[in-house]
N, C-alpha and C. Protein backbone atom coordinates (compact mmCIF):
# COMPACT_ATOMS: atom_id res chain seq x y z
N GLN A 1 98.79 87.76 119.79
CA GLN A 1 98.77 88.98 118.53
C GLN A 1 99.07 89.89 118.48
N VAL A 2 100.23 90.79 117.55
CA VAL A 2 100.64 91.92 117.28
C VAL A 2 99.71 93.09 116.33
N GLN A 3 98.83 94.19 116.61
CA GLN A 3 97.96 93.93 115.75
C GLN A 3 99.05 95.67 115.71
N VAL A 4 99.32 96.51 114.42
CA VAL A 4 99.62 97.73 114.19
C VAL A 4 98.54 98.66 113.41
N VAL A 5 98.15 99.37 113.98
CA VAL A 5 96.97 100.29 113.04
C VAL A 5 97.83 101.90 112.77
N GLU A 6 97.64 101.94 111.60
CA GLU A 6 97.99 103.04 111.29
C GLU A 6 96.41 104.13 110.93
N SER A 7 97.06 105.49 110.84
CA SER A 7 95.70 106.30 110.92
C SER A 7 96.34 107.73 110.43
N GLY A 8 95.24 108.98 109.98
CA GLY A 8 96.37 110.20 109.64
C GLY A 8 96.10 110.22 108.11
N GLY A 9 96.20 109.33 107.52
CA GLY A 9 96.33 109.73 105.78
C GLY A 9 95.37 110.82 105.32
N ASP A 10 95.22 111.05 104.39
CA ASP A 10 94.13 112.54 103.55
C ASP A 10 94.53 112.67 102.34
N LEU A 11 93.79 113.28 101.82
CA LEU A 11 94.04 114.09 100.24
C LEU A 11 94.76 115.37 101.11
N VAL A 12 95.79 115.92 100.81
CA VAL A 12 96.31 117.20 101.19
C VAL A 12 96.77 117.79 99.54
N GLN A 13 96.79 119.00 99.35
CA GLN A 13 97.45 119.97 98.75
C GLN A 13 98.97 120.10 98.36
N PRO A 14 99.97 120.05 97.56
CA PRO A 14 101.06 120.59 97.68
C PRO A 14 101.45 121.21 98.67
N GLY A 15 102.47 120.98 99.72
CA GLY A 15 103.64 122.30 100.53
C GLY A 15 102.54 121.97 102.04
N GLY A 16 101.31 121.21 101.67
CA GLY A 16 100.33 121.19 103.35
C GLY A 16 101.71 119.90 104.41
N SER A 17 100.92 119.57 105.28
CA SER A 17 100.81 119.17 106.31
C SER A 17 99.73 117.96 106.59
N LEU A 18 100.44 116.88 107.26
CA LEU A 18 99.41 115.22 107.39
C LEU A 18 100.41 114.80 109.16
N ARG A 19 99.84 114.84 110.21
CA ARG A 19 100.20 113.70 110.90
C ARG A 19 100.00 112.46 111.13
N LEU A 20 100.53 111.02 111.01
CA LEU A 20 100.07 109.77 110.84
C LEU A 20 100.78 109.26 111.97
N ALA A 21 99.77 108.69 112.55
CA ALA A 21 99.96 108.08 114.30
C ALA A 21 99.93 106.50 113.61
N CYS A 22 100.83 106.25 114.50
CA CYS A 22 100.45 104.48 114.43
C CYS A 22 100.68 103.56 115.84
N VAL A 23 99.48 102.51 116.36
CA VAL A 23 99.36 102.35 116.94
C VAL A 23 99.55 100.91 117.07
N VAL A 24 100.59 100.41 118.13
CA VAL A 24 100.60 98.81 118.46
C VAL A 24 100.07 97.98 119.58
N SER A 25 99.31 97.57 119.02
CA SER A 25 98.38 96.58 120.71
C SER A 25 98.82 95.38 120.62
N ALA A 26 99.10 94.97 121.63
CA ALA A 26 99.71 93.64 121.61
C ALA A 26 100.20 93.17 123.70
N SER A 27 99.76 91.97 123.81
CA SER A 27 99.92 91.77 125.51
C SER A 27 101.60 91.72 125.56
N ARG A 28 102.12 92.01 125.93
CA ARG A 28 103.45 92.15 126.34
C ARG A 28 104.63 92.50 125.05
N PHE A 29 104.00 92.62 124.03
CA PHE A 29 105.46 93.67 123.64
C PHE A 29 105.95 94.22 123.20
N ARG A 30 107.16 94.18 123.51
CA ARG A 30 108.10 95.20 123.71
C ARG A 30 108.74 95.72 122.53
N VAL A 31 108.57 96.83 121.84
CA VAL A 31 108.60 97.66 120.66
C VAL A 31 110.22 97.95 120.85
N TYR A 32 110.94 97.42 119.87
CA TYR A 32 112.40 98.38 119.89
C TYR A 32 112.34 99.49 118.95
N ALA A 33 111.99 99.10 117.94
CA ALA A 33 111.79 100.10 116.75
C ALA A 33 110.30 100.12 115.82
N MET A 34 110.51 101.11 115.61
CA MET A 34 109.23 101.11 114.78
C MET A 34 109.55 102.21 113.05
N ASN A 35 109.44 101.70 112.10
CA ASN A 35 109.86 102.44 111.34
C ASN A 35 108.28 102.43 110.33
N TRP A 36 108.78 103.49 109.31
CA TRP A 36 107.58 103.62 108.73
C TRP A 36 107.96 103.27 107.14
N HIS A 37 107.48 103.58 105.91
CA HIS A 37 107.78 102.71 105.26
C HIS A 37 106.46 103.17 103.90
N ARG A 38 106.84 103.21 102.53
CA ARG A 38 105.43 103.83 101.79
C ARG A 38 105.82 103.40 100.30
N GLN A 39 104.54 102.82 99.59
CA GLN A 39 104.81 102.29 98.57
C GLN A 39 103.55 102.64 97.58
N ALA A 40 103.84 103.83 96.88
CA ALA A 40 103.28 104.45 95.71
C ALA A 40 103.05 103.61 94.57
N SER A 41 101.96 103.80 93.27
CA SER A 41 101.54 102.63 92.94
C SER A 41 102.57 102.49 91.36
N GLY A 42 102.83 101.87 91.63
CA GLY A 42 103.88 100.80 90.33
C GLY A 42 104.98 100.39 91.45
N LYS A 43 105.39 101.20 92.29
CA LYS A 43 106.22 101.85 92.22
C LYS A 43 107.14 100.32 93.31
N GLN A 44 108.05 99.83 94.31
CA GLN A 44 108.91 99.43 95.10
C GLN A 44 108.52 99.55 96.63
N ARG A 45 107.80 99.16 97.53
CA ARG A 45 108.08 99.64 98.73
C ARG A 45 109.62 100.32 99.55
N GLU A 46 109.09 101.89 100.27
CA GLU A 46 110.34 101.94 100.13
C GLU A 46 110.78 102.69 101.54
N LEU A 47 112.01 102.65 102.76
CA LEU A 47 111.89 102.97 104.11
C LEU A 47 111.76 104.75 104.20
N VAL A 48 111.21 104.97 105.07
CA VAL A 48 111.15 106.99 104.80
C VAL A 48 111.75 106.97 106.06
N ALA A 49 111.75 106.08 107.33
CA ALA A 49 112.28 106.46 108.38
C ALA A 49 112.29 105.93 109.58
N GLY A 50 112.72 105.58 110.74
CA GLY A 50 113.16 105.04 111.94
C GLY A 50 113.43 105.05 112.79
N ILE A 51 112.64 104.68 113.88
CA ILE A 51 113.45 105.62 115.36
C ILE A 51 113.14 104.20 116.11
N THR A 52 114.25 104.24 117.33
CA THR A 52 114.56 103.43 118.26
C THR A 52 113.92 103.15 119.56
N THR A 53 114.01 102.71 119.94
CA THR A 53 113.65 102.93 121.67
C THR A 53 114.87 103.50 122.55
N HIS A 54 115.97 103.72 121.93
CA HIS A 54 116.31 105.09 122.39
C HIS A 54 116.64 106.22 121.78
N GLY A 55 115.50 106.37 121.23
CA GLY A 55 115.40 107.90 120.75
C GLY A 55 115.49 108.16 119.15
N TYR A 56 116.97 107.76 118.20
CA TYR A 56 117.23 108.05 117.66
C TYR A 56 116.82 107.86 116.24
N PRO A 57 116.29 108.86 115.39
CA PRO A 57 115.54 108.95 114.07
C PRO A 57 116.52 108.60 113.20
N GLU A 58 115.98 107.54 111.85
CA GLU A 58 116.79 108.00 110.81
C GLU A 58 115.96 108.87 109.93
N TYR A 59 116.81 108.98 108.61
CA TYR A 59 115.56 109.36 107.82
C TYR A 59 116.30 109.15 106.38
N ALA A 60 115.06 108.82 105.47
CA ALA A 60 115.41 108.73 103.96
C ALA A 60 115.71 110.03 103.40
N ASP A 61 117.37 110.44 102.79
CA ASP A 61 117.80 111.09 101.66
C ASP A 61 116.19 111.93 101.68
N PHE A 62 114.88 111.90 100.46
CA PHE A 62 114.37 112.72 100.65
C PHE A 62 112.83 112.91 101.32
N VAL A 63 113.06 112.58 102.41
CA VAL A 63 112.43 112.81 103.31
C VAL A 63 112.71 114.16 104.43
N LYS A 64 114.47 114.20 104.36
CA LYS A 64 114.91 114.62 105.97
C LYS A 64 114.67 116.37 105.67
N GLY A 65 114.74 116.34 106.77
CA GLY A 65 114.33 118.33 106.85
C GLY A 65 112.64 118.21 106.87
N ARG A 66 111.96 117.68 105.84
CA ARG A 66 110.09 117.86 105.61
C ARG A 66 109.97 116.92 107.10
N PHE A 67 110.12 115.53 106.86
CA PHE A 67 109.16 114.39 107.69
C PHE A 67 110.09 114.68 109.45
N ALA A 68 109.40 114.36 110.57
CA ALA A 68 109.94 114.00 111.83
C ALA A 68 109.52 113.39 112.37
N ILE A 69 109.65 111.41 112.50
CA ILE A 69 108.93 110.58 113.20
C ILE A 69 109.77 110.61 114.83
N SER A 70 108.33 110.29 115.53
CA SER A 70 108.27 110.69 117.49
C SER A 70 108.20 108.94 118.13
N ARG A 71 108.33 108.99 118.72
CA ARG A 71 107.51 107.72 119.96
C ARG A 71 107.13 108.19 120.51
N ASP A 72 105.62 107.60 121.04
CA ASP A 72 105.53 108.58 122.62
C ASP A 72 106.06 107.67 123.26
N SER A 73 106.55 108.69 124.64
CA SER A 73 107.60 108.14 125.87
C SER A 73 106.43 106.84 126.52
N GLY A 74 107.45 105.65 126.50
CA GLY A 74 106.73 104.85 127.09
C GLY A 74 105.17 103.66 126.76
N GLU A 75 104.82 104.34 125.63
CA GLU A 75 103.96 103.81 124.62
C GLU A 75 104.07 102.95 123.62
N ASN A 76 103.75 101.92 122.90
CA ASN A 76 103.22 101.80 121.87
C ASN A 76 103.06 102.71 120.86
N THR A 77 103.05 103.78 120.83
CA THR A 77 102.59 104.13 119.60
C THR A 77 103.45 105.78 119.39
N GLY A 78 103.32 105.97 117.85
CA GLY A 78 104.57 106.55 117.08
C GLY A 78 103.47 107.41 116.29
N HIS A 79 104.31 108.72 115.56
CA HIS A 79 104.01 109.56 114.90
C HIS A 79 104.83 109.75 113.73
N LEU A 80 104.41 109.97 112.47
CA LEU A 80 105.59 110.94 111.29
C LEU A 80 104.43 112.52 111.06
N GLN A 81 104.88 113.12 111.35
CA GLN A 81 104.67 114.51 111.38
C GLN A 81 105.56 114.73 109.57
N MET A 82 104.41 114.77 108.72
CA MET A 82 105.37 115.15 107.23
C MET A 82 104.80 116.80 106.79
N ASN A 83 105.44 117.32 106.74
CA ASN A 83 105.51 118.89 106.50
C ASN A 83 106.39 119.15 104.89
N ASP A 84 105.50 120.22 103.99
CA ASP A 84 105.70 120.59 103.39
C ASP A 84 105.82 119.37 102.03
N LEU A 85 104.46 119.23 101.72
CA LEU A 85 104.69 118.00 101.23
C LEU A 85 104.66 118.30 100.11
N LYS A 86 104.91 117.10 99.03
CA LYS A 86 105.10 116.80 97.58
C LYS A 86 104.17 116.12 96.82
N PRO A 87 103.99 116.21 95.38
CA PRO A 87 102.67 114.84 95.31
C PRO A 87 103.74 113.68 95.09
N GLU A 88 105.02 113.62 95.02
CA GLU A 88 105.59 112.51 95.17
C GLU A 88 105.64 112.09 96.04
N ASP A 89 105.21 112.11 97.26
CA ASP A 89 105.07 111.69 98.61
C ASP A 89 103.56 110.77 98.80
N THR A 90 103.27 110.91 97.22
CA THR A 90 101.78 109.93 97.53
C THR A 90 101.95 108.85 97.41
N ALA A 91 101.41 107.99 98.18
CA ALA A 91 101.96 106.80 98.32
C ALA A 91 101.31 105.97 99.79
N VAL A 92 100.75 104.91 100.01
CA VAL A 92 100.41 103.66 100.87
C VAL A 92 101.23 104.06 102.20
N TYR A 93 100.96 104.95 103.02
CA TYR A 93 102.46 104.61 104.28
C TYR A 93 101.90 103.25 105.39
N TYR A 94 103.30 102.77 105.23
CA TYR A 94 103.00 102.06 106.58
C TYR A 94 103.84 101.59 107.30
N CYS A 95 103.00 101.23 108.79
CA CYS A 95 103.91 101.38 110.58
C CYS A 95 104.83 99.89 110.14
N GLN A 96 105.86 99.79 110.86
CA GLN A 96 106.21 98.68 111.16
C GLN A 96 106.84 98.53 112.44
N ALA A 97 106.20 97.36 113.63
CA ALA A 97 106.76 97.60 114.40
C ALA A 97 107.81 96.03 115.30
N GLU A 98 109.18 96.28 115.26
CA GLU A 98 110.00 95.33 116.31
C GLU A 98 110.02 95.48 117.24
N GLY A 99 110.09 94.31 117.45
CA GLY A 99 110.57 93.82 118.89
C GLY A 99 110.37 92.80 119.39
N THR A 100 109.98 92.88 120.35
CA THR A 100 110.11 91.25 121.60
C THR A 100 109.13 90.79 122.04
N ILE A 101 108.52 89.60 122.44
CA ILE A 101 107.11 89.45 122.78
C ILE A 101 107.98 88.07 123.65
N GLY A 102 108.51 88.09 125.08
CA GLY A 102 109.29 86.95 125.58
C GLY A 102 110.56 87.16 125.02
N ASP A 103 111.16 85.72 124.51
CA ASP A 103 112.35 85.56 123.63
C ASP A 103 112.17 85.54 122.54
N ALA A 104 111.14 85.64 121.64
CA ALA A 104 110.30 85.61 120.57
C ALA A 104 111.00 86.96 119.91
N MET A 105 111.54 87.00 118.43
CA MET A 105 111.63 88.40 118.34
C MET A 105 110.07 88.35 116.88
N VAL A 106 109.69 89.63 117.06
CA VAL A 106 108.70 89.99 116.32
C VAL A 106 108.44 91.18 115.44
N ASP A 107 107.99 90.75 114.07
CA ASP A 107 107.83 92.15 113.28
C ASP A 107 106.99 91.90 112.51
N SER A 108 105.55 93.01 112.83
CA SER A 108 104.69 93.34 112.65
C SER A 108 104.08 94.80 111.72
N TRP A 109 103.53 94.44 110.26
CA TRP A 109 103.31 95.58 110.04
C TRP A 109 102.17 96.40 110.26
N GLY A 110 101.41 96.96 109.62
CA GLY A 110 99.87 97.98 109.43
C GLY A 110 99.25 97.07 108.02
N GLN A 111 98.00 97.79 107.69
CA GLN A 111 97.18 97.79 106.39
C GLN A 111 98.02 98.62 106.04
N GLY A 112 98.35 99.92 106.34
CA GLY A 112 98.82 101.12 105.67
C GLY A 112 97.68 102.37 105.40
N THR A 113 97.58 103.57 105.30
CA THR A 113 97.04 104.79 105.37
C THR A 113 97.37 105.49 103.89
N GLN A 114 96.70 106.05 103.32
CA GLN A 114 97.13 106.52 101.93
C GLN A 114 96.99 107.73 102.44
N VAL A 115 98.12 108.77 102.03
CA VAL A 115 98.07 109.67 101.57
C VAL A 115 98.57 110.29 100.04
N THR A 116 97.49 111.23 99.79
CA THR A 116 97.82 111.27 98.45
C THR A 116 97.50 113.17 98.80
N VAL A 117 98.86 113.58 97.98
CA VAL A 117 99.10 115.40 97.77
C VAL A 117 99.23 115.12 96.41
N SER A 118 98.07 116.17 96.17
CA SER A 118 97.39 116.96 94.64
C SER A 118 96.34 118.00 94.46
N SER A 119 96.58 119.14 93.96
CA SER A 119 96.30 119.95 93.80
C SER A 119 94.55 120.26 92.98
């Protein structure tokens, strides 16, 4: 069974920074891609950033230049560094891990961590 756990969400003032963490735990799970999504109250979930095993990050336009996604080399952990936070960044942030266990494709999500940007 794959377990994905996010942490690091908090209340922060506009212009502040947060660093979210994603830990993926599973026997024999080879993570190919790690993605961060977010869902604000009353809105649809949207993709924020993603990174693959090869290390190529991609970002939604609304976070380019402010957020940075990373993965720990050789570990099933990742981070989302969020700088210059804005009130519109307020949302629950979810980590998604895509990979394989043996020949089986696996797509697993965490329960989310709340980020609130407010003065």
